[in-house]
Amino acid sequence: MKVNFVYMTAGSPEEAHSIGRELVTSKLAACVNILNDMNSIYMWDGKVQKDSEVVMIAKTTEKQLSALVDKVKSLHSYDCPCIVAIPVSGGNQAFLDWIAAETD
């Protein structure tokens, strides 16, 4: 079982909570952390943009990753949402097993 942390951003706390709840209730993620008040500076449509965003970190397995990405894209308000999987290479095995059990 391979675990991934999935880094995502949302435009508002409400959107982040809605997406996070859907991921957990559909067993696509064992847990979603929501971190408010992140500031982003980025290029979009040839212009420098500055926005306040919300960070989400979902804990899931490689088996559920594709479905999680599809679900987030279907719920997200952005045209091109940030959804990036980061493989977990180790840690508390009991916690990693819990992630696997909650997303099975």
N, C-alpha and C. Protein backbone atom coordinates (compact mmCIF):
# COMPACT_ATOMS: atom_id res chain seq x y z
N MET A 1 0.84 -1.17 0.00
CA MET A 1 0.00 0.00 0.00
C MET A 1 0.89 1.24 0.00
N LYS A 2 0.68 2.10 -0.99
CA LYS A 2 1.44 3.34 -1.09
C LYS A 2 0.52 4.50 -0.71
N VAL A 3 1.01 5.35 0.18
CA VAL A 3 0.25 6.50 0.65
C VAL A 3 0.75 7.75 -0.05
N ASN A 4 -0.18 8.66 -0.34
CA ASN A 4 0.15 9.97 -0.92
C ASN A 4 -0.49 11.06 -0.09
N PHE A 5 0.21 12.17 0.04
CA PHE A 5 -0.40 13.40 0.52
C PHE A 5 -0.71 14.19 -0.75
N VAL A 6 -1.90 14.75 -0.83
CA VAL A 6 -2.30 15.49 -2.02
C VAL A 6 -2.48 16.95 -1.63
N TYR A 7 -1.61 17.80 -2.17
CA TYR A 7 -1.63 19.24 -1.92
C TYR A 7 -2.59 19.88 -2.92
N MET A 8 -3.53 20.67 -2.40
CA MET A 8 -4.51 21.36 -3.25
C MET A 8 -4.75 22.75 -2.69
N THR A 9 -5.29 23.62 -3.52
CA THR A 9 -5.72 24.94 -3.05
C THR A 9 -7.17 25.16 -3.46
N ALA A 10 -7.83 26.04 -2.70
CA ALA A 10 -9.21 26.44 -3.00
C ALA A 10 -9.32 27.94 -2.83
N GLY A 11 -10.37 28.50 -3.40
CA GLY A 11 -10.56 29.95 -3.37
C GLY A 11 -11.19 30.47 -2.10
N SER A 12 -11.77 29.59 -1.27
CA SER A 12 -12.43 30.03 -0.04
C SER A 12 -12.47 28.89 0.97
N PRO A 13 -12.60 29.23 2.25
CA PRO A 13 -12.75 28.18 3.26
C PRO A 13 -13.98 27.31 3.02
N GLU A 14 -15.06 27.92 2.55
CA GLU A 14 -16.29 27.16 2.30
C GLU A 14 -16.07 26.11 1.21
N GLU A 15 -15.40 26.50 0.13
CA GLU A 15 -15.11 25.55 -0.93
C GLU A 15 -14.20 24.43 -0.43
N ALA A 16 -13.17 24.78 0.33
CA ALA A 16 -12.24 23.79 0.86
C ALA A 16 -12.97 22.80 1.77
N HIS A 17 -13.84 23.29 2.64
CA HIS A 17 -14.58 22.41 3.54
C HIS A 17 -15.53 21.51 2.77
N SER A 18 -16.17 22.04 1.75
CA SER A 18 -17.09 21.24 0.93
C SER A 18 -16.34 20.12 0.21
N ILE A 19 -15.22 20.45 -0.40
CA ILE A 19 -14.41 19.45 -1.11
C ILE A 19 -13.87 18.43 -0.11
N GLY A 20 -13.32 18.90 1.01
CA GLY A 20 -12.77 18.00 2.01
C GLY A 20 -13.79 17.02 2.55
N ARG A 21 -14.98 17.51 2.87
CA ARG A 21 -16.04 16.64 3.38
C ARG A 21 -16.41 15.58 2.35
N GLU A 22 -16.52 15.97 1.09
CA GLU A 22 -16.86 15.01 0.03
C GLU A 22 -15.79 13.94 -0.13
N LEU A 23 -14.53 14.34 -0.06
CA LEU A 23 -13.43 13.37 -0.20
C LEU A 23 -13.44 12.36 0.94
N VAL A 24 -13.71 12.82 2.15
CA VAL A 24 -13.71 11.92 3.30
C VAL A 24 -14.95 11.02 3.30
N THR A 25 -16.13 11.59 3.04
CA THR A 25 -17.35 10.77 3.09
C THR A 25 -17.39 9.76 1.95
N SER A 26 -16.74 10.05 0.84
CA SER A 26 -16.71 9.10 -0.27
C SER A 26 -15.52 8.13 -0.18
N LYS A 27 -14.76 8.23 0.93
CA LYS A 27 -13.61 7.36 1.20
C LYS A 27 -12.47 7.51 0.18
N LEU A 28 -12.40 8.66 -0.45
CA LEU A 28 -11.28 8.95 -1.34
C LEU A 28 -10.09 9.50 -0.57
N ALA A 29 -10.34 9.99 0.65
CA ALA A 29 -9.28 10.46 1.54
C ALA A 29 -9.64 10.06 2.97
N ALA A 30 -8.63 9.72 3.74
CA ALA A 30 -8.86 9.40 5.15
C ALA A 30 -9.02 10.67 5.97
N CYS A 31 -8.39 11.74 5.53
CA CYS A 31 -8.37 13.00 6.27
C CYS A 31 -8.01 14.11 5.29
N VAL A 32 -8.56 15.30 5.53
CA VAL A 32 -8.17 16.48 4.75
C VAL A 32 -7.88 17.60 5.74
N ASN A 33 -6.65 18.09 5.74
CA ASN A 33 -6.29 19.25 6.54
C ASN A 33 -6.60 20.50 5.74
N ILE A 34 -7.14 21.52 6.41
CA ILE A 34 -7.49 22.78 5.76
C ILE A 34 -6.75 23.90 6.48
N LEU A 35 -5.93 24.61 5.72
CA LEU A 35 -5.11 25.70 6.26
C LEU A 35 -5.56 27.00 5.61
N ASN A 36 -6.14 27.89 6.38
CA ASN A 36 -6.66 29.14 5.86
C ASN A 36 -5.58 30.20 5.67
N ASP A 37 -5.93 31.23 4.94
CA ASP A 37 -5.14 32.46 4.82
C ASP A 37 -3.75 32.28 4.22
N MET A 38 -3.69 31.57 3.12
CA MET A 38 -2.45 31.44 2.37
C MET A 38 -2.50 32.46 1.24
N ASN A 39 -1.42 33.14 0.99
CA ASN A 39 -1.35 34.12 -0.09
C ASN A 39 -0.57 33.53 -1.26
N SER A 40 -1.13 33.70 -2.45
CA SER A 40 -0.50 33.18 -3.67
C SER A 40 -0.19 34.31 -4.63
N ILE A 41 0.98 34.23 -5.24
CA ILE A 41 1.36 35.12 -6.34
C ILE A 41 1.72 34.21 -7.50
N TYR A 42 1.07 34.43 -8.64
CA TYR A 42 1.24 33.52 -9.77
C TYR A 42 0.91 34.23 -11.08
N MET A 43 1.34 33.63 -12.19
CA MET A 43 1.01 34.14 -13.51
C MET A 43 -0.24 33.44 -14.01
N TRP A 44 -1.20 34.20 -14.54
CA TRP A 44 -2.39 33.62 -15.16
C TRP A 44 -2.84 34.56 -16.27
N ASP A 45 -3.03 34.01 -17.44
CA ASP A 45 -3.42 34.80 -18.61
C ASP A 45 -2.43 35.95 -18.87
N GLY A 46 -1.15 35.67 -18.66
CA GLY A 46 -0.11 36.64 -18.96
C GLY A 46 0.03 37.76 -17.95
N LYS A 47 -0.65 37.68 -16.82
CA LYS A 47 -0.59 38.74 -15.80
C LYS A 47 -0.24 38.14 -14.45
N VAL A 48 0.51 38.93 -13.66
CA VAL A 48 0.80 38.52 -12.29
C VAL A 48 -0.46 38.70 -11.46
N GLN A 49 -0.84 37.64 -10.76
CA GLN A 49 -2.03 37.65 -9.92
C GLN A 49 -1.61 37.51 -8.46
N LYS A 50 -2.42 38.05 -7.55
CA LYS A 50 -2.22 37.87 -6.12
C LYS A 50 -3.58 37.58 -5.51
N ASP A 51 -3.67 36.44 -4.83
CA ASP A 51 -4.94 36.03 -4.23
C ASP A 51 -4.72 35.41 -2.86
N SER A 52 -5.76 35.47 -2.06
CA SER A 52 -5.81 34.72 -0.82
C SER A 52 -6.45 33.38 -1.13
N GLU A 53 -5.83 32.29 -0.72
CA GLU A 53 -6.35 30.96 -0.98
C GLU A 53 -6.33 30.14 0.30
N VAL A 54 -6.88 28.94 0.19
CA VAL A 54 -6.91 27.99 1.29
C VAL A 54 -6.17 26.74 0.83
N VAL A 55 -5.28 26.22 1.66
CA VAL A 55 -4.54 25.00 1.35
C VAL A 55 -5.30 23.80 1.90
N MET A 56 -5.36 22.75 1.11
CA MET A 56 -5.92 21.47 1.56
C MET A 56 -4.84 20.41 1.38
N ILE A 57 -4.69 19.55 2.36
CA ILE A 57 -3.78 18.41 2.25
C ILE A 57 -4.59 17.15 2.56
N ALA A 58 -4.79 16.33 1.54
CA ALA A 58 -5.56 15.09 1.70
C ALA A 58 -4.60 13.92 1.86
N LYS A 59 -4.97 12.99 2.72
CA LYS A 59 -4.20 11.76 2.90
C LYS A 59 -4.97 10.64 2.23
N THR A 60 -4.33 9.98 1.27
CA THR A 60 -5.00 8.94 0.51
C THR A 60 -3.99 7.88 0.07
N THR A 61 -4.49 6.88 -0.63
CA THR A 61 -3.61 5.84 -1.17
C THR A 61 -3.47 6.04 -2.67
N GLU A 62 -2.43 5.44 -3.22
CA GLU A 62 -2.22 5.51 -4.67
C GLU A 62 -3.42 4.94 -5.43
N LYS A 63 -4.04 3.92 -4.85
CA LYS A 63 -5.21 3.28 -5.46
C LYS A 63 -6.36 4.28 -5.65
N GLN A 64 -6.53 5.21 -4.73
CA GLN A 64 -7.64 6.17 -4.78
C GLN A 64 -7.27 7.49 -5.45
N LEU A 65 -6.01 7.66 -5.81
CA LEU A 65 -5.52 8.96 -6.28
C LEU A 65 -6.25 9.45 -7.53
N SER A 66 -6.40 8.63 -8.53
CA SER A 66 -7.05 9.06 -9.77
C SER A 66 -8.49 9.49 -9.52
N ALA A 67 -9.22 8.72 -8.73
CA ALA A 67 -10.62 9.07 -8.42
C ALA A 67 -10.69 10.35 -7.60
N LEU A 68 -9.73 10.54 -6.69
CA LEU A 68 -9.70 11.77 -5.90
C LEU A 68 -9.49 12.98 -6.80
N VAL A 69 -8.54 12.89 -7.71
CA VAL A 69 -8.27 14.01 -8.64
C VAL A 69 -9.53 14.31 -9.46
N ASP A 70 -10.16 13.29 -9.99
CA ASP A 70 -11.38 13.49 -10.78
C ASP A 70 -12.48 14.15 -9.96
N LYS A 71 -12.65 13.72 -8.70
CA LYS A 71 -13.69 14.28 -7.84
C LYS A 71 -13.42 15.75 -7.54
N VAL A 72 -12.17 16.07 -7.20
CA VAL A 72 -11.83 17.46 -6.91
C VAL A 72 -12.06 18.34 -8.13
N LYS A 73 -11.64 17.88 -9.29
CA LYS A 73 -11.85 18.67 -10.52
C LYS A 73 -13.34 18.89 -10.78
N SER A 74 -14.18 17.92 -10.48
CA SER A 74 -15.62 18.06 -10.72
C SER A 74 -16.27 19.03 -9.75
N LEU A 75 -15.70 19.20 -8.56
CA LEU A 75 -16.29 20.06 -7.53
C LEU A 75 -15.68 21.46 -7.49
N HIS A 76 -14.51 21.64 -8.06
CA HIS A 76 -13.72 22.85 -7.88
C HIS A 76 -14.20 23.99 -8.76
N SER A 77 -14.07 25.21 -8.25
CA SER A 77 -14.48 26.40 -9.01
C SER A 77 -13.41 26.88 -9.99
N TYR A 78 -12.17 26.46 -9.83
CA TYR A 78 -11.09 26.91 -10.71
C TYR A 78 -11.11 26.15 -12.04
N ASP A 79 -10.69 26.82 -13.11
CA ASP A 79 -10.54 26.16 -14.41
C ASP A 79 -9.41 25.13 -14.37
N CYS A 80 -8.36 25.43 -13.62
CA CYS A 80 -7.19 24.56 -13.55
C CYS A 80 -6.74 24.46 -12.09
N PRO A 81 -7.45 23.66 -11.28
CA PRO A 81 -7.10 23.61 -9.85
C PRO A 81 -5.75 22.95 -9.60
N CYS A 82 -5.09 23.44 -8.57
CA CYS A 82 -3.83 22.85 -8.11
C CYS A 82 -4.17 21.55 -7.37
N ILE A 83 -3.72 20.43 -7.92
CA ILE A 83 -3.88 19.12 -7.28
C ILE A 83 -2.58 18.38 -7.56
N VAL A 84 -1.74 18.20 -6.53
CA VAL A 84 -0.42 17.61 -6.72
C VAL A 84 -0.23 16.51 -5.67
N ALA A 85 0.07 15.30 -6.13
CA ALA A 85 0.30 14.18 -5.22
C ALA A 85 1.77 14.10 -4.84
N ILE A 86 2.01 13.88 -3.55
CA ILE A 86 3.35 13.75 -3.01
C ILE A 86 3.44 12.38 -2.34
N PRO A 87 4.23 11.46 -2.89
CA PRO A 87 4.34 10.13 -2.28
C PRO A 87 4.96 10.21 -0.87
N VAL A 88 4.43 9.42 0.03
CA VAL A 88 4.95 9.33 1.39
C VAL A 88 5.93 8.15 1.42
N SER A 89 7.15 8.39 1.88
CA SER A 89 8.16 7.34 1.85
C SER A 89 8.33 6.63 3.19
N GLY A 90 7.65 7.09 4.23
CA GLY A 90 7.77 6.44 5.53
C GLY A 90 7.00 7.21 6.57
N GLY A 91 7.08 6.73 7.80
CA GLY A 91 6.40 7.40 8.90
C GLY A 91 5.83 6.40 9.89
N ASN A 92 4.90 6.84 10.68
CA ASN A 92 4.24 6.00 11.67
C ASN A 92 3.39 4.97 10.94
N GLN A 93 3.82 3.72 10.97
CA GLN A 93 3.12 2.67 10.21
C GLN A 93 1.66 2.54 10.62
N ALA A 94 1.36 2.74 11.90
CA ALA A 94 -0.03 2.66 12.35
C ALA A 94 -0.88 3.74 11.67
N PHE A 95 -0.32 4.94 11.49
CA PHE A 95 -1.04 6.02 10.81
C PHE A 95 -1.21 5.70 9.33
N LEU A 96 -0.18 5.19 8.70
CA LEU A 96 -0.26 4.83 7.29
C LEU A 96 -1.28 3.71 7.07
N ASP A 97 -1.33 2.75 8.00
CA ASP A 97 -2.32 1.68 7.93
C ASP A 97 -3.74 2.23 8.09
N TRP A 98 -3.89 3.22 8.96
CA TRP A 98 -5.19 3.86 9.16
C TRP A 98 -5.66 4.52 7.86
N ILE A 99 -4.77 5.21 7.17
CA ILE A 99 -5.13 5.83 5.89
C ILE A 99 -5.63 4.76 4.93
N ALA A 100 -4.91 3.66 4.84
CA ALA A 100 -5.30 2.57 3.95
C ALA A 100 -6.67 2.01 4.33
N ALA A 101 -6.90 1.82 5.62
CA ALA A 101 -8.18 1.26 6.07
C ALA A 101 -9.35 2.21 5.79
N GLU A 102 -9.13 3.50 5.97
CA GLU A 102 -10.21 4.48 5.78
C GLU A 102 -10.53 4.74 4.31
N THR A 103 -9.63 4.37 3.41
CA THR A 103 -9.87 4.62 1.99
C THR A 103 -10.11 3.34 1.21
N ASP A 104 -10.28 2.24 1.91
CA ASP A 104 -10.47 0.94 1.26
C ASP A 104 -11.92 0.74 0.86
